[in-house]
Structure formats: structure tokens, C-alpha cells
Amino acid sequence: MTDEQLVELDRQTKWESMPPVMRATDIYQEILDQGQEAIPDLIMALRDKRAPIPVMMLLTDITGQSPVKPAQRGYVDQMIEAWLDWADDNA
């Protein structure tokens, strides 16, 4: 995933709150098609807190996992931390 793709992901999803709409964007699909190769860049984006919601959605769609506990949902910083912990455990 390139920095330009991340900027475009943020641009296309910034004002959306519905996951199906975010997933339908061209850039989301483009990054999703990169599969496992995109994971390190997505984790780096989370470390920098760039486009965190669509990035976490992409990680879930690519890995088939979600380390976010129900009590953490809606708390973006906690959700990011859960994914960063997942990355440390799965590196």
C-alpha cells in the first residue's frame, strides 16, 4: 500500500459512517486486493493514527480476525491498541 493510497482511502471514507459504503469505495477494494502484502503498511498507518476506521476494517477483511473486544468497540484508541497488540503477537 502506498502513501497515496492511504491518503485516497482517507479522502474517500472520511465522511462515511457506514461500513458497507466504505467497503464499496474503489480505493478500499484496491487495497483489499493486495491482501496479506498490505498488512505491514496498514499496521504502520494505525501506529500513525491515519484513517483508523477503514484501516481496521481492511485488517479484519484481510486477516479474517478482529482482536477488538466488545467493550473496546467505539473507543478508537483502544481499538487501535488491540490491533497493534495483535500485530506484535503475529509478526
N, C-alpha and C. Protein backbone atom coordinates (compact mmCIF):
# COMPACT_ATOMS: atom_id res chain seq x y z
N MET A 1 0.84 -1.17 0.00
CA MET A 1 0.00 0.00 0.00
C MET A 1 0.89 1.24 0.00
N THR A 2 0.57 2.16 -0.84
CA THR A 2 1.37 3.38 -0.92
C THR A 2 0.77 4.47 -0.04
N ASP A 3 1.56 5.49 0.23
CA ASP A 3 1.07 6.63 0.98
C ASP A 3 -0.08 7.31 0.23
N GLU A 4 0.03 7.34 -1.09
CA GLU A 4 -1.03 7.93 -1.90
C GLU A 4 -2.35 7.16 -1.74
N GLN A 5 -2.25 5.85 -1.66
CA GLN A 5 -3.45 5.04 -1.46
C GLN A 5 -4.07 5.33 -0.10
N LEU A 6 -3.24 5.49 0.91
CA LEU A 6 -3.75 5.80 2.24
C LEU A 6 -4.44 7.16 2.27
N VAL A 7 -3.84 8.14 1.62
CA VAL A 7 -4.46 9.47 1.54
C VAL A 7 -5.80 9.37 0.82
N GLU A 8 -5.84 8.61 -0.26
CA GLU A 8 -7.08 8.45 -1.01
C GLU A 8 -8.12 7.68 -0.20
N LEU A 9 -7.70 6.68 0.56
CA LEU A 9 -8.62 5.94 1.43
C LEU A 9 -9.25 6.90 2.43
N ASP A 10 -8.44 7.74 3.03
CA ASP A 10 -8.96 8.71 3.99
C ASP A 10 -9.93 9.67 3.29
N ARG A 11 -9.57 10.14 2.12
CA ARG A 11 -10.41 11.08 1.39
C ARG A 11 -11.77 10.46 1.04
N GLN A 12 -11.74 9.22 0.57
CA GLN A 12 -12.98 8.58 0.12
C GLN A 12 -13.87 8.09 1.26
N THR A 13 -13.31 7.92 2.46
CA THR A 13 -14.10 7.35 3.56
C THR A 13 -14.28 8.30 4.74
N LYS A 14 -13.62 9.44 4.71
CA LYS A 14 -13.59 10.34 5.87
C LYS A 14 -14.99 10.70 6.39
N TRP A 15 -15.92 10.94 5.53
CA TRP A 15 -17.24 11.40 5.95
C TRP A 15 -18.29 10.29 5.95
N GLU A 16 -17.84 9.06 5.81
CA GLU A 16 -18.76 7.92 5.82
C GLU A 16 -18.77 7.27 7.19
N SER A 17 -19.95 6.82 7.60
CA SER A 17 -20.04 6.10 8.88
C SER A 17 -20.55 4.67 8.68
N MET A 18 -20.94 4.36 7.47
CA MET A 18 -21.49 3.02 7.21
C MET A 18 -20.43 2.12 6.56
N PRO A 19 -20.06 1.04 7.24
CA PRO A 19 -19.04 0.15 6.69
C PRO A 19 -19.33 -0.34 5.27
N PRO A 20 -20.56 -0.71 4.91
CA PRO A 20 -20.77 -1.16 3.53
C PRO A 20 -20.42 -0.10 2.49
N VAL A 21 -20.68 1.16 2.83
CA VAL A 21 -20.35 2.25 1.90
C VAL A 21 -18.83 2.40 1.80
N MET A 22 -18.14 2.31 2.94
CA MET A 22 -16.67 2.40 2.92
C MET A 22 -16.08 1.26 2.11
N ARG A 23 -16.61 0.07 2.32
CA ARG A 23 -16.09 -1.11 1.61
C ARG A 23 -16.34 -1.03 0.10
N ALA A 24 -17.31 -0.26 -0.30
CA ALA A 24 -17.66 -0.17 -1.73
C ALA A 24 -16.79 0.82 -2.49
N THR A 25 -15.96 1.59 -1.79
CA THR A 25 -15.13 2.56 -2.50
C THR A 25 -14.06 1.86 -3.32
N ASP A 26 -13.68 2.49 -4.41
CA ASP A 26 -12.66 1.90 -5.29
C ASP A 26 -11.34 1.67 -4.57
N ILE A 27 -10.92 2.65 -3.76
CA ILE A 27 -9.62 2.53 -3.10
C ILE A 27 -9.63 1.43 -2.04
N TYR A 28 -10.74 1.26 -1.35
CA TYR A 28 -10.85 0.18 -0.36
C TYR A 28 -10.64 -1.16 -1.06
N GLN A 29 -11.33 -1.34 -2.18
CA GLN A 29 -11.21 -2.59 -2.93
C GLN A 29 -9.79 -2.78 -3.48
N GLU A 30 -9.18 -1.69 -3.91
CA GLU A 30 -7.81 -1.76 -4.44
C GLU A 30 -6.83 -2.24 -3.37
N ILE A 31 -6.97 -1.68 -2.17
CA ILE A 31 -6.09 -2.10 -1.06
C ILE A 31 -6.43 -3.52 -0.63
N LEU A 32 -7.70 -3.84 -0.55
CA LEU A 32 -8.13 -5.18 -0.17
C LEU A 32 -7.55 -6.23 -1.12
N ASP A 33 -7.49 -5.91 -2.40
CA ASP A 33 -6.94 -6.84 -3.39
C ASP A 33 -5.46 -7.13 -3.17
N GLN A 34 -4.77 -6.28 -2.43
CA GLN A 34 -3.35 -6.51 -2.14
C GLN A 34 -3.17 -7.62 -1.10
N GLY A 35 -4.23 -7.90 -0.37
CA GLY A 35 -4.20 -8.99 0.59
C GLY A 35 -3.14 -8.84 1.67
N GLN A 36 -2.52 -9.95 2.02
CA GLN A 36 -1.54 -10.01 3.11
C GLN A 36 -0.39 -9.01 2.93
N GLU A 37 -0.06 -8.70 1.70
CA GLU A 37 1.05 -7.76 1.45
C GLU A 37 0.76 -6.38 2.02
N ALA A 38 -0.49 -6.01 2.17
CA ALA A 38 -0.85 -4.69 2.68
C ALA A 38 -0.77 -4.60 4.20
N ILE A 39 -0.73 -5.72 4.90
CA ILE A 39 -0.81 -5.71 6.36
C ILE A 39 0.28 -4.85 7.02
N PRO A 40 1.55 -4.97 6.69
CA PRO A 40 2.55 -4.12 7.36
C PRO A 40 2.27 -2.62 7.19
N ASP A 41 1.84 -2.21 6.01
CA ASP A 41 1.54 -0.81 5.78
C ASP A 41 0.29 -0.37 6.53
N LEU A 42 -0.69 -1.26 6.63
CA LEU A 42 -1.89 -0.93 7.40
C LEU A 42 -1.57 -0.78 8.88
N ILE A 43 -0.71 -1.63 9.40
CA ILE A 43 -0.29 -1.52 10.81
C ILE A 43 0.47 -0.21 11.02
N MET A 44 1.33 0.15 10.09
CA MET A 44 2.07 1.39 10.19
C MET A 44 1.10 2.58 10.18
N ALA A 45 0.07 2.51 9.35
CA ALA A 45 -0.93 3.57 9.31
C ALA A 45 -1.63 3.70 10.67
N LEU A 46 -1.91 2.56 11.30
CA LEU A 46 -2.55 2.61 12.62
C LEU A 46 -1.62 3.22 13.65
N ARG A 47 -0.34 2.89 13.59
CA ARG A 47 0.63 3.48 14.53
C ARG A 47 0.61 5.00 14.41
N ASP A 48 0.41 5.50 13.21
CA ASP A 48 0.36 6.94 12.96
C ASP A 48 -1.05 7.51 13.09
N LYS A 49 -2.02 6.64 13.42
CA LYS A 49 -3.44 7.02 13.56
C LYS A 49 -3.98 7.70 12.30
N ARG A 50 -3.66 7.10 11.16
CA ARG A 50 -4.13 7.61 9.88
C ARG A 50 -5.27 6.74 9.38
N ALA A 51 -6.42 7.36 9.12
CA ALA A 51 -7.62 6.66 8.63
C ALA A 51 -7.89 5.38 9.42
N PRO A 52 -7.96 5.48 10.76
CA PRO A 52 -8.01 4.26 11.57
C PRO A 52 -9.21 3.35 11.34
N ILE A 53 -10.39 3.90 11.13
CA ILE A 53 -11.57 3.04 10.99
C ILE A 53 -11.48 2.20 9.72
N PRO A 54 -11.29 2.80 8.53
CA PRO A 54 -11.19 1.94 7.35
C PRO A 54 -9.96 1.04 7.37
N VAL A 55 -8.89 1.48 8.00
CA VAL A 55 -7.69 0.63 8.10
C VAL A 55 -8.00 -0.61 8.94
N MET A 56 -8.69 -0.43 10.07
CA MET A 56 -9.04 -1.59 10.90
C MET A 56 -10.03 -2.50 10.18
N MET A 57 -10.93 -1.91 9.41
CA MET A 57 -11.86 -2.73 8.62
C MET A 57 -11.09 -3.56 7.60
N LEU A 58 -10.11 -2.93 6.95
CA LEU A 58 -9.29 -3.67 5.98
C LEU A 58 -8.54 -4.80 6.66
N LEU A 59 -7.96 -4.53 7.82
CA LEU A 59 -7.24 -5.59 8.53
C LEU A 59 -8.18 -6.75 8.86
N THR A 60 -9.39 -6.45 9.30
CA THR A 60 -10.35 -7.51 9.59
C THR A 60 -10.71 -8.30 8.33
N ASP A 61 -10.94 -7.57 7.24
CA ASP A 61 -11.31 -8.24 5.99
C ASP A 61 -10.17 -9.09 5.44
N ILE A 62 -8.94 -8.62 5.58
CA ILE A 62 -7.79 -9.36 5.05
C ILE A 62 -7.44 -10.55 5.93
N THR A 63 -7.43 -10.34 7.25
CA THR A 63 -6.98 -11.41 8.16
C THR A 63 -8.10 -12.36 8.56
N GLY A 64 -9.35 -11.90 8.46
CA GLY A 64 -10.46 -12.71 8.95
C GLY A 64 -10.53 -12.71 10.46
N GLN A 65 -9.81 -11.80 11.10
CA GLN A 65 -9.77 -11.72 12.55
C GLN A 65 -10.14 -10.31 13.01
N SER A 66 -10.49 -10.21 14.28
CA SER A 66 -10.68 -8.91 14.92
C SER A 66 -10.30 -9.05 16.38
N PRO A 67 -9.17 -8.47 16.76
CA PRO A 67 -8.75 -8.56 18.16
C PRO A 67 -9.48 -7.59 19.08
N VAL A 68 -10.36 -6.77 18.52
CA VAL A 68 -11.08 -5.78 19.31
C VAL A 68 -12.17 -6.47 20.13
N LYS A 69 -12.10 -6.28 21.44
CA LYS A 69 -13.11 -6.86 22.33
C LYS A 69 -14.39 -6.01 22.27
N PRO A 70 -15.54 -6.63 22.54
CA PRO A 70 -16.80 -5.87 22.50
C PRO A 70 -16.77 -4.59 23.34
N ALA A 71 -16.14 -4.63 24.49
CA ALA A 71 -16.09 -3.44 25.36
C ALA A 71 -15.23 -2.32 24.78
N GLN A 72 -14.37 -2.65 23.80
CA GLN A 72 -13.50 -1.65 23.19
C GLN A 72 -14.15 -0.97 21.99
N ARG A 73 -15.19 -1.55 21.46
CA ARG A 73 -15.83 -1.00 20.27
C ARG A 73 -16.33 0.40 20.55
N GLY A 74 -16.03 1.29 19.61
CA GLY A 74 -16.42 2.68 19.75
C GLY A 74 -15.35 3.55 20.39
N TYR A 75 -14.33 2.92 20.96
CA TYR A 75 -13.21 3.64 21.57
C TYR A 75 -12.00 3.45 20.65
N VAL A 76 -11.84 4.39 19.73
CA VAL A 76 -10.88 4.22 18.64
C VAL A 76 -9.47 3.96 19.16
N ASP A 77 -9.03 4.69 20.18
CA ASP A 77 -7.68 4.47 20.70
C ASP A 77 -7.51 3.05 21.24
N GLN A 78 -8.52 2.53 21.91
CA GLN A 78 -8.45 1.15 22.42
C GLN A 78 -8.48 0.14 21.28
N MET A 79 -9.27 0.44 20.26
CA MET A 79 -9.34 -0.44 19.09
C MET A 79 -7.99 -0.49 18.38
N ILE A 80 -7.37 0.67 18.23
CA ILE A 80 -6.04 0.73 17.60
C ILE A 80 -5.05 -0.08 18.43
N GLU A 81 -5.08 0.11 19.74
CA GLU A 81 -4.16 -0.61 20.62
C GLU A 81 -4.35 -2.13 20.49
N ALA A 82 -5.59 -2.58 20.37
CA ALA A 82 -5.85 -4.01 20.21
C ALA A 82 -5.22 -4.52 18.92
N TRP A 83 -5.33 -3.76 17.84
CA TRP A 83 -4.71 -4.18 16.57
C TRP A 83 -3.19 -4.13 16.64
N LEU A 84 -2.64 -3.14 17.34
CA LEU A 84 -1.18 -3.08 17.46
C LEU A 84 -0.66 -4.24 18.30
N ASP A 85 -1.40 -4.61 19.34
CA ASP A 85 -1.03 -5.79 20.13
C ASP A 85 -1.11 -7.04 19.25
N TRP A 86 -2.15 -7.13 18.43
CA TRP A 86 -2.29 -8.26 17.51
C TRP A 86 -1.09 -8.32 16.57
N ALA A 87 -0.69 -7.17 16.06
CA ALA A 87 0.46 -7.14 15.14
C ALA A 87 1.73 -7.61 15.84
N ASP A 88 1.92 -7.19 17.08
CA ASP A 88 3.11 -7.62 17.83
C ASP A 88 3.10 -9.14 18.03
N ASP A 89 1.93 -9.70 18.27
CA ASP A 89 1.80 -11.14 18.50
C ASP A 89 1.88 -11.97 17.22
N ASN A 90 1.60 -11.34 16.08
CA ASN A 90 1.53 -12.08 14.82
C ASN A 90 2.59 -11.67 13.82
N ALA A 91 3.59 -10.98 14.29
CA ALA A 91 4.66 -10.51 13.38
C ALA A 91 5.56 -11.65 12.96
